[in-house]
Amino acid sequence: MKITIVYDNNSNQENLVADWGFSCFIQTKNRKILFDTGGNGKILLQNLQELNIDPTSFDDVVISHPDFDHIGGLSHILNLNHHAVIHNPISFRGIRYDNKVIYYDEPKQVYPDIFLTGELGKREQSLAIASEKGLILIIGCGHPNLHNIINAISRFGKVYAIVGGLHGFQEFEILERIEKICPTHCTVHKEKIKELYPEKYMDGGVGKVFRF
């Protein structure tokens, strides 16, 4: 499995634009998934082009929650890609799509080795991909609380790594059970997490690639 951060507050390369928001491209054996779409569609498409990622190749688009910095590029993607299945939290309705849309209000296996928490706390859903070492958990902002997210997804396996935004998360002891952590986007206490768990910490930023 390969995860490429394509939208984040920081950038790893001069040719990639940093902006407030989050999106990552996930390649598994059978699916190509775009998780969230950042805050600006033009920036998202520019970063995808620079990273040689074809937006028409996505099989699925997963939206964590409908804040502007996670759905800002959605229309730009769907103008180019008419076959990707959209996976929305149950409360994100009211938008007309030509693409197929599925809504989630509880944890569910979406495909073999791919899982969603469904909407938690009437706010947000997270995605998990199974790997040989455990689940790779992808989070948009972590509004429902990391403890609740892990509890919801753990029915499908043990969480090995976390990539994504964690807002003001401070229950740092939870990370003792996690082997790898890449706090991105809105995470307030990145430096504290790095200080406490230097061997687990992974830097994020646009262009960062992880292989699990």
C-alpha atoms as a PDB file:
ATOM      1  CA  MET A   1       0.000   0.000   0.000  1.00  0.00           C
ATOM      2  CA  LYS A   2       1.195   3.492  -0.868  1.00  0.00           C
ATOM      3  CA  ILE A   3      -0.062   6.765   0.611  1.00  0.00           C
ATOM      4  CA  THR A   4       0.865  10.115  -0.938  1.00  0.00           C
ATOM      5  CA  ILE A   5      -0.084  13.363   0.779  1.00  0.00           C
ATOM      6  CA  VAL A   6      -1.363  15.663  -1.969  1.00  0.00           C
ATOM      7  CA  TYR A   7      -2.748  18.543   0.114  1.00  0.00           C
ATOM      8  CA  ASP A   8      -1.496  19.780   3.464  1.00  0.00           C
ATOM      9  CA  ASN A   9      -0.489  22.918   5.366  1.00  0.00           C
ATOM     10  CA  ASN A  10       3.166  22.206   4.608  1.00  0.00           C
ATOM     11  CA  SER A  11       5.037  21.151   1.494  1.00  0.00           C
ATOM     12  CA  ASN A  12       8.122  18.986   1.027  1.00  0.00           C
ATOM     13  CA  GLN A  13       8.966  20.285  -2.439  1.00  0.00           C
ATOM     14  CA  GLU A  14       9.175  23.739  -4.037  1.00  0.00           C
ATOM     15  CA  ASN A  15       6.928  22.716  -6.924  1.00  0.00           C
ATOM     16  CA  LEU A  16       4.142  21.571  -4.583  1.00  0.00           C
ATOM     17  CA  VAL A  17       1.772  24.114  -3.051  1.00  0.00           C
ATOM     18  CA  ALA A  18       0.989  24.110   0.658  1.00  0.00           C
ATOM     19  CA  ASP A  19      -2.444  25.325   1.744  1.00  0.00           C
ATOM     20  CA  TRP A  20      -4.796  24.906   4.687  1.00  0.00           C
ATOM     21  CA  GLY A  21      -6.562  21.569   4.249  1.00  0.00           C
ATOM     22  CA  PHE A  22      -5.890  17.902   3.756  1.00  0.00           C
ATOM     23  CA  SER A  23      -6.021  15.238   1.061  1.00  0.00           C
ATOM     24  CA  CYS A  24      -4.107  12.049   0.385  1.00  0.00           C
ATOM     25  CA  PHE A  25      -3.997   9.508  -2.419  1.00  0.00           C
ATOM     26  CA  ILE A  26      -4.063   5.858  -1.400  1.00  0.00           C
ATOM     27  CA  GLN A  27      -3.091   3.011  -3.699  1.00  0.00           C
ATOM     28  CA  THR A  28      -3.964  -0.523  -2.635  1.00  0.00           C
ATOM     29  CA  LYS A  29      -3.759  -3.733  -4.650  1.00  0.00           C
ATOM     30  CA  ASN A  30      -7.220  -3.192  -6.081  1.00  0.00           C
ATOM     31  CA  ARG A  31      -8.310   0.408  -5.474  1.00  0.00           C
ATOM     32  CA  LYS A  32      -7.121   3.965  -6.025  1.00  0.00           C
ATOM     33  CA  ILE A  33      -8.665   6.204  -3.384  1.00  0.00           C
ATOM     34  CA  LEU A  34      -8.625   9.964  -2.857  1.00  0.00           C
ATOM     35  CA  PHE A  35      -9.261  10.762   0.804  1.00  0.00           C
ATOM     36  CA  ASP A  36     -10.628  14.320   1.171  1.00  0.00           C
ATOM     37  CA  THR A  37      -9.969  17.017  -1.403  1.00  0.00           C
ATOM     38  CA  GLY A  38      -8.300  19.931   0.372  1.00  0.00           C
ATOM     39  CA  GLY A  39      -9.591  23.487   0.407  1.00  0.00           C
ATOM     40  CA  ASN A  40      -8.861  24.678  -3.127  1.00  0.00           C
ATOM     41  CA  GLY A  41      -9.525  22.670  -6.270  1.00  0.00           C
ATOM     42  CA  LYS A  42      -6.952  24.460  -8.427  1.00  0.00           C
ATOM     43  CA  ILE A  43      -4.213  23.805  -5.892  1.00  0.00           C
ATOM     44  CA  LEU A  44      -5.270  20.167  -5.554  1.00  0.00           C
ATOM     45  CA  LEU A  45      -5.169  19.590  -9.308  1.00  0.00           C
ATOM     46  CA  GLN A  46      -1.826  21.371  -9.600  1.00  0.00           C
ATOM     47  CA  ASN A  47      -0.298  19.190  -6.889  1.00  0.00           C
ATOM     48  CA  LEU A  48      -1.727  16.045  -8.467  1.00  0.00           C
ATOM     49  CA  GLN A  49      -0.233  17.013 -11.812  1.00  0.00           C
ATOM     50  CA  GLU A  50       3.181  17.681 -10.268  1.00  0.00           C
ATOM     51  CA  LEU A  51       3.020  14.294  -8.539  1.00  0.00           C
ATOM     52  CA  ASN A  52       1.984  12.538 -11.777  1.00  0.00           C
ATOM     53  CA  ILE A  53      -1.306  11.389 -10.265  1.00  0.00           C
ATOM     54  CA  ASP A  54      -4.191  11.200 -12.722  1.00  0.00           C
ATOM     55  CA  PRO A  55      -7.469  12.382 -11.113  1.00  0.00           C
ATOM     56  CA  THR A  56      -9.444  10.332 -13.631  1.00  0.00           C
ATOM     57  CA  SER A  57      -7.852   7.169 -12.240  1.00  0.00           C
ATOM     58  CA  PHE A  58      -9.528   7.358  -8.812  1.00  0.00           C
ATOM     59  CA  ASP A  59     -11.893   4.474  -8.102  1.00  0.00           C
ATOM     60  CA  ASP A  60     -13.197   6.100  -4.928  1.00  0.00           C
ATOM     61  CA  VAL A  61     -13.374   9.465  -3.192  1.00  0.00           C
ATOM     62  CA  VAL A  62     -13.801   9.340   0.582  1.00  0.00           C
ATOM     63  CA  ILE A  63     -14.944  12.488   2.361  1.00  0.00           C
ATOM     64  CA  SER A  64     -14.231  12.644   6.084  1.00  0.00           C
ATOM     65  CA  HIS A  65     -16.498  15.635   6.788  1.00  0.00           C
ATOM     66  CA  PRO A  66     -17.880  18.602   4.847  1.00  0.00           C
ATOM     67  CA  ASP A  67     -15.690  21.426   6.167  1.00  0.00           C
ATOM     68  CA  PHE A  68     -14.372  23.606   3.330  1.00  0.00           C
ATOM     69  CA  ASP A  69     -10.760  22.517   3.822  1.00  0.00           C
ATOM     70  CA  HIS A  70     -11.726  18.904   3.100  1.00  0.00           C
ATOM     71  CA  ILE A  71     -14.250  19.314   0.271  1.00  0.00           C
ATOM     72  CA  GLY A  72     -12.929  22.405  -1.524  1.00  0.00           C
ATOM     73  CA  GLY A  73     -11.573  20.381  -4.427  1.00  0.00           C
ATOM     74  CA  LEU A  74     -14.436  17.886  -4.715  1.00  0.00           C
ATOM     75  CA  SER A  75     -16.206  19.543  -7.627  1.00  0.00           C
ATOM     76  CA  HIS A  76     -12.921  19.884  -9.527  1.00  0.00           C
ATOM     77  CA  ILE A  77     -12.274  16.153  -9.166  1.00  0.00           C
ATOM     78  CA  LEU A  78     -15.808  15.155 -10.144  1.00  0.00           C
ATOM     79  CA  ASN A  79     -15.738  17.404 -13.194  1.00  0.00           C
ATOM     80  CA  LEU A  80     -12.942  15.157 -14.470  1.00  0.00           C
ATOM     81  CA  ASN A  81     -13.858  11.816 -12.934  1.00  0.00           C
ATOM     82  CA  HIS A  82     -17.392  10.548 -13.528  1.00  0.00           C
ATOM     83  CA  HIS A  83     -16.936   6.952 -12.355  1.00  0.00           C
ATOM     84  CA  ALA A  84     -15.417   7.247  -8.878  1.00  0.00           C
ATOM     85  CA  VAL A  85     -17.695   6.134  -6.059  1.00  0.00           C
ATOM     86  CA  ILE A  86     -18.139   8.813  -3.382  1.00  0.00           C
ATOM     87  CA  HIS A  87     -18.225   7.714   0.254  1.00  0.00           C
ATOM     88  CA  ASN A  88     -19.804  10.357   2.490  1.00  0.00           C
ATOM     89  CA  PRO A  89     -20.657  10.569   6.185  1.00  0.00           C
ATOM     90  CA  ILE A  90     -24.429  10.279   6.597  1.00  0.00           C
ATOM     91  CA  SER A  91     -25.030  13.969   7.285  1.00  0.00           C
ATOM     92  CA  PHE A  92     -23.211  15.210   4.171  1.00  0.00           C
ATOM     93  CA  ARG A  93     -26.199  15.358   1.851  1.00  0.00           C
ATOM     94  CA  GLY A  94     -27.910  17.952  -0.283  1.00  0.00           C
ATOM     95  CA  ILE A  95     -25.376  18.036  -3.108  1.00  0.00           C
ATOM     96  CA  ARG A  96     -26.311  16.638  -6.495  1.00  0.00           C
ATOM     97  CA  TYR A  97     -23.800  14.170  -7.915  1.00  0.00           C
ATOM     98  CA  ASP A  98     -23.580  12.340 -11.222  1.00  0.00           C
ATOM     99  CA  ASN A  99     -21.309   9.826  -9.500  1.00  0.00           C
ATOM    100  CA  LYS A 100     -22.602   7.047  -7.269  1.00  0.00           C
ATOM    101  CA  VAL A 101     -22.738   8.103  -3.612  1.00  0.00           C
ATOM    102  CA  ILE A 102     -22.837   5.883  -0.532  1.00  0.00           C
ATOM    103  CA  TYR A 103     -23.560   7.285   2.942  1.00  0.00           C
ATOM    104  CA  TYR A 104     -22.260   5.807   6.204  1.00  0.00           C
ATOM    105  CA  ASP A 105     -23.597   6.097   9.728  1.00  0.00           C
ATOM    106  CA  GLU A 106     -21.797   3.133  11.308  1.00  0.00           C
ATOM    107  CA  PRO A 107     -18.553   1.169  10.917  1.00  0.00           C
ATOM    108  CA  LYS A 108     -18.520  -0.888   7.747  1.00  0.00           C
ATOM    109  CA  GLN A 109     -16.247  -2.954   5.526  1.00  0.00           C
ATOM    110  CA  VAL A 110     -16.383  -1.172   2.179  1.00  0.00           C
ATOM    111  CA  TYR A 111     -14.153  -3.508   0.170  1.00  0.00           C
ATOM    112  CA  PRO A 112     -11.862  -6.365   1.154  1.00  0.00           C
ATOM    113  CA  ASP A 113      -9.251  -4.785   3.468  1.00  0.00           C
ATOM    114  CA  ILE A 114     -10.889  -1.310   3.319  1.00  0.00           C
ATOM    115  CA  PHE A 115     -13.042   0.002   6.167  1.00  0.00           C
ATOM    116  CA  LEU A 116     -14.872   3.153   7.292  1.00  0.00           C
ATOM    117  CA  THR A 117     -15.901   4.173  10.787  1.00  0.00           C
ATOM    118  CA  GLY A 118     -19.043   5.808   9.447  1.00  0.00           C
ATOM    119  CA  GLU A 119     -19.996   9.179  10.884  1.00  0.00           C
ATOM    120  CA  LEU A 120     -18.997   9.518  14.535  1.00  0.00           C
ATOM    121  CA  GLY A 121     -20.335  12.202  16.830  1.00  0.00           C
ATOM    122  CA  LYS A 122     -22.550  13.578  14.051  1.00  0.00           C
ATOM    123  CA  ARG A 123     -19.381  15.005  12.554  1.00  0.00           C
ATOM    124  CA  GLU A 124     -16.772  12.917  10.793  1.00  0.00           C
ATOM    125  CA  GLN A 125     -15.737   9.517   9.479  1.00  0.00           C
ATOM    126  CA  SER A 126     -12.290   7.962   9.123  1.00  0.00           C
ATOM    127  CA  LEU A 127     -10.831   5.390   6.751  1.00  0.00           C
ATOM    128  CA  ALA A 128      -8.699   2.324   7.508  1.00  0.00           C
ATOM    129  CA  ILE A 129      -6.739   0.074   5.176  1.00  0.00           C
ATOM    130  CA  ALA A 130      -5.525  -3.356   6.249  1.00  0.00           C
ATOM    131  CA  SER A 131      -1.817  -4.099   5.914  1.00  0.00           C
ATOM    132  CA  GLU A 132       0.369  -7.012   6.979  1.00  0.00           C
ATOM    133  CA  LYS A 133       1.250  -5.091  10.146  1.00  0.00           C
ATOM    134  CA  GLY A 134      -2.267  -3.909  11.000  1.00  0.00           C
ATOM    135  CA  LEU A 135      -4.696  -1.158  10.079  1.00  0.00           C
ATOM    136  CA  ILE A 136      -3.469   2.113   8.590  1.00  0.00           C
ATOM    137  CA  LEU A 137      -5.901   4.713   9.899  1.00  0.00           C
ATOM    138  CA  ILE A 138      -6.490   7.873   7.818  1.00  0.00           C
ATOM    139  CA  ILE A 139      -8.130  10.792   9.644  1.00  0.00           C
ATOM    140  CA  GLY A 140      -9.352  14.151   8.351  1.00  0.00           C
ATOM    141  CA  CYS A 141      -9.399  16.282  11.509  1.00  0.00           C
ATOM    142  CA  GLY A 142     -10.138  13.938  14.391  1.00  0.00           C
ATOM    143  CA  HIS A 143     -13.200  15.853  15.600  1.00  0.00           C
ATOM    144  CA  PRO A 144     -14.868  12.771  17.157  1.00  0.00           C
ATOM    145  CA  ASN A 145     -11.807  12.191  19.416  1.00  0.00           C
ATOM    146  CA  LEU A 146      -9.042   9.749  18.566  1.00  0.00           C
ATOM    147  CA  HIS A 147     -10.101   7.328  21.303  1.00  0.00           C
ATOM    148  CA  ASN A 148     -13.582   7.037  19.762  1.00  0.00           C
ATOM    149  CA  ILE A 149     -12.197   6.672  16.242  1.00  0.00           C
ATOM    150  CA  ILE A 150      -9.849   3.856  17.263  1.00  0.00           C
ATOM    151  CA  ASN A 151     -12.612   2.097  19.207  1.00  0.00           C
ATOM    152  CA  ALA A 152     -14.923   2.234  16.194  1.00  0.00           C
ATOM    153  CA  ILE A 153     -12.393   0.874  13.713  1.00  0.00           C
ATOM    154  CA  SER A 154     -10.750  -1.698  16.009  1.00  0.00           C
ATOM    155  CA  ARG A 155     -13.492  -4.236  15.317  1.00  0.00           C
ATOM    156  CA  PHE A 156     -11.707  -4.739  11.987  1.00  0.00           C
ATOM    157  CA  GLY A 157      -8.230  -5.145  13.442  1.00  0.00           C
ATOM    158  CA  LYS A 158      -5.462  -3.460  15.433  1.00  0.00           C
ATOM    159  CA  VAL A 159      -4.396   0.037  14.374  1.00  0.00           C
ATOM    160  CA  TYR A 160      -0.730   0.043  13.363  1.00  0.00           C
ATOM    161  CA  ALA A 161      -0.307   3.570  11.979  1.00  0.00           C
ATOM    162  CA  ILE A 162      -2.189   6.877  11.871  1.00  0.00           C
ATOM    163  CA  VAL A 163      -1.939   9.535   9.161  1.00  0.00           C
ATOM    164  CA  GLY A 164      -3.967  12.741   9.274  1.00  0.00           C
ATOM    165  CA  GLY A 165      -5.201  15.699  11.278  1.00  0.00           C
ATOM    166  CA  LEU A 166      -5.714  15.492  15.032  1.00  0.00           C
ATOM    167  CA  HIS A 167      -6.691  19.079  15.948  1.00  0.00           C
ATOM    168  CA  GLY A 168      -6.065  19.718  19.666  1.00  0.00           C
ATOM    169  CA  PHE A 169      -5.546  16.060  20.596  1.00  0.00           C
ATOM    170  CA  GLN A 170      -3.700  15.759  23.926  1.00  0.00           C
ATOM    171  CA  GLU A 171      -4.414  12.207  25.117  1.00  0.00           C
ATOM    172  CA  PHE A 172      -0.875  11.309  24.139  1.00  0.00           C
ATOM    173  CA  GLU A 173      -0.871   8.012  26.042  1.00  0.00           C
ATOM    174  CA  ILE A 174      -3.156   6.579  23.345  1.00  0.00           C
ATOM    175  CA  LEU A 175      -0.211   6.699  20.945  1.00  0.00           C
ATOM    176  CA  GLU A 176       1.703   4.189  23.057  1.00  0.00           C
ATOM    177  CA  ARG A 177      -0.367   1.504  21.308  1.00  0.00           C
ATOM    178  CA  ILE A 178       0.375   2.883  17.828  1.00  0.00           C
ATOM    179  CA  GLU A 179       3.574   2.014  15.964  1.00  0.00           C
ATOM    180  CA  LYS A 180       3.693   4.938  13.496  1.00  0.00           C
ATOM    181  CA  ILE A 181       2.089   8.382  13.619  1.00  0.00           C
ATOM    182  CA  CYS A 182       2.061  11.154  11.009  1.00  0.00           C
ATOM    183  CA  PRO A 183       0.121  14.142  12.399  1.00  0.00           C
ATOM    184  CA  THR A 184      -0.803  16.512   9.572  1.00  0.00           C
ATOM    185  CA  HIS A 185      -2.969  19.514   8.703  1.00  0.00           C
ATOM    186  CA  CYS A 186      -4.724  20.900  11.804  1.00  0.00           C
ATOM    187  CA  THR A 187      -2.757  19.017  14.481  1.00  0.00           C
ATOM    188  CA  VAL A 188      -1.855  21.548  17.174  1.00  0.00           C
ATOM    189  CA  HIS A 189       0.635  19.518  19.198  1.00  0.00           C
ATOM    190  CA  LYS A 190       2.886  18.054  16.497  1.00  0.00           C
ATOM    191  CA  GLU A 191       6.063  18.974  18.332  1.00  0.00           C
ATOM    192  CA  LYS A 192       4.824  17.437  21.575  1.00  0.00           C
ATOM    193  CA  ILE A 193       3.959  14.184  19.787  1.00  0.00           C
ATOM    194  CA  LYS A 194       7.408  14.193  18.168  1.00  0.00           C
ATOM    195  CA  GLU A 195       9.060  14.855  21.535  1.00  0.00           C
ATOM    196  CA  LEU A 196       7.193  12.023  23.255  1.00  0.00           C
ATOM    197  CA  TYR A 197       7.408   9.473  20.429  1.00  0.00           C
ATOM    198  CA  PRO A 198      10.414  10.321  18.212  1.00  0.00           C
ATOM    199  CA  GLU A 199      10.763   6.713  17.037  1.00  0.00           C
ATOM    200  CA  LYS A 200       7.136   6.620  15.900  1.00  0.00           C
ATOM    201  CA  TYR A 201       6.821  10.122  14.477  1.00  0.00           C
ATOM    202  CA  MET A 202       6.709  10.704  10.705  1.00  0.00           C
ATOM    203  CA  ASP A 203       6.703  14.156   9.107  1.00  0.00           C
ATOM    204  CA  GLY A 204       3.826  15.007   6.780  1.00  0.00           C
ATOM    205  CA  GLY A 205       3.542  17.653   4.083  1.00  0.00           C
ATOM    206  CA  VAL A 206       2.554  17.697   0.421  1.00  0.00           C
ATOM    207  CA  GLY A 207       4.586  15.171  -1.511  1.00  0.00           C
ATOM    208  CA  LYS A 208       5.319  12.896   1.440  1.00  0.00           C
ATOM    209  CA  VAL A 209       4.995   9.211   0.511  1.00  0.00           C
ATOM    210  CA  PHE A 210       4.471   6.289   2.888  1.00  0.00           C
ATOM    211  CA  ARG A 211       4.577   2.600   2.045  1.00  0.00           C
ATOM    212  CA  PHE A 212       3.094   0.026   4.358  1.00  0.00           C
END
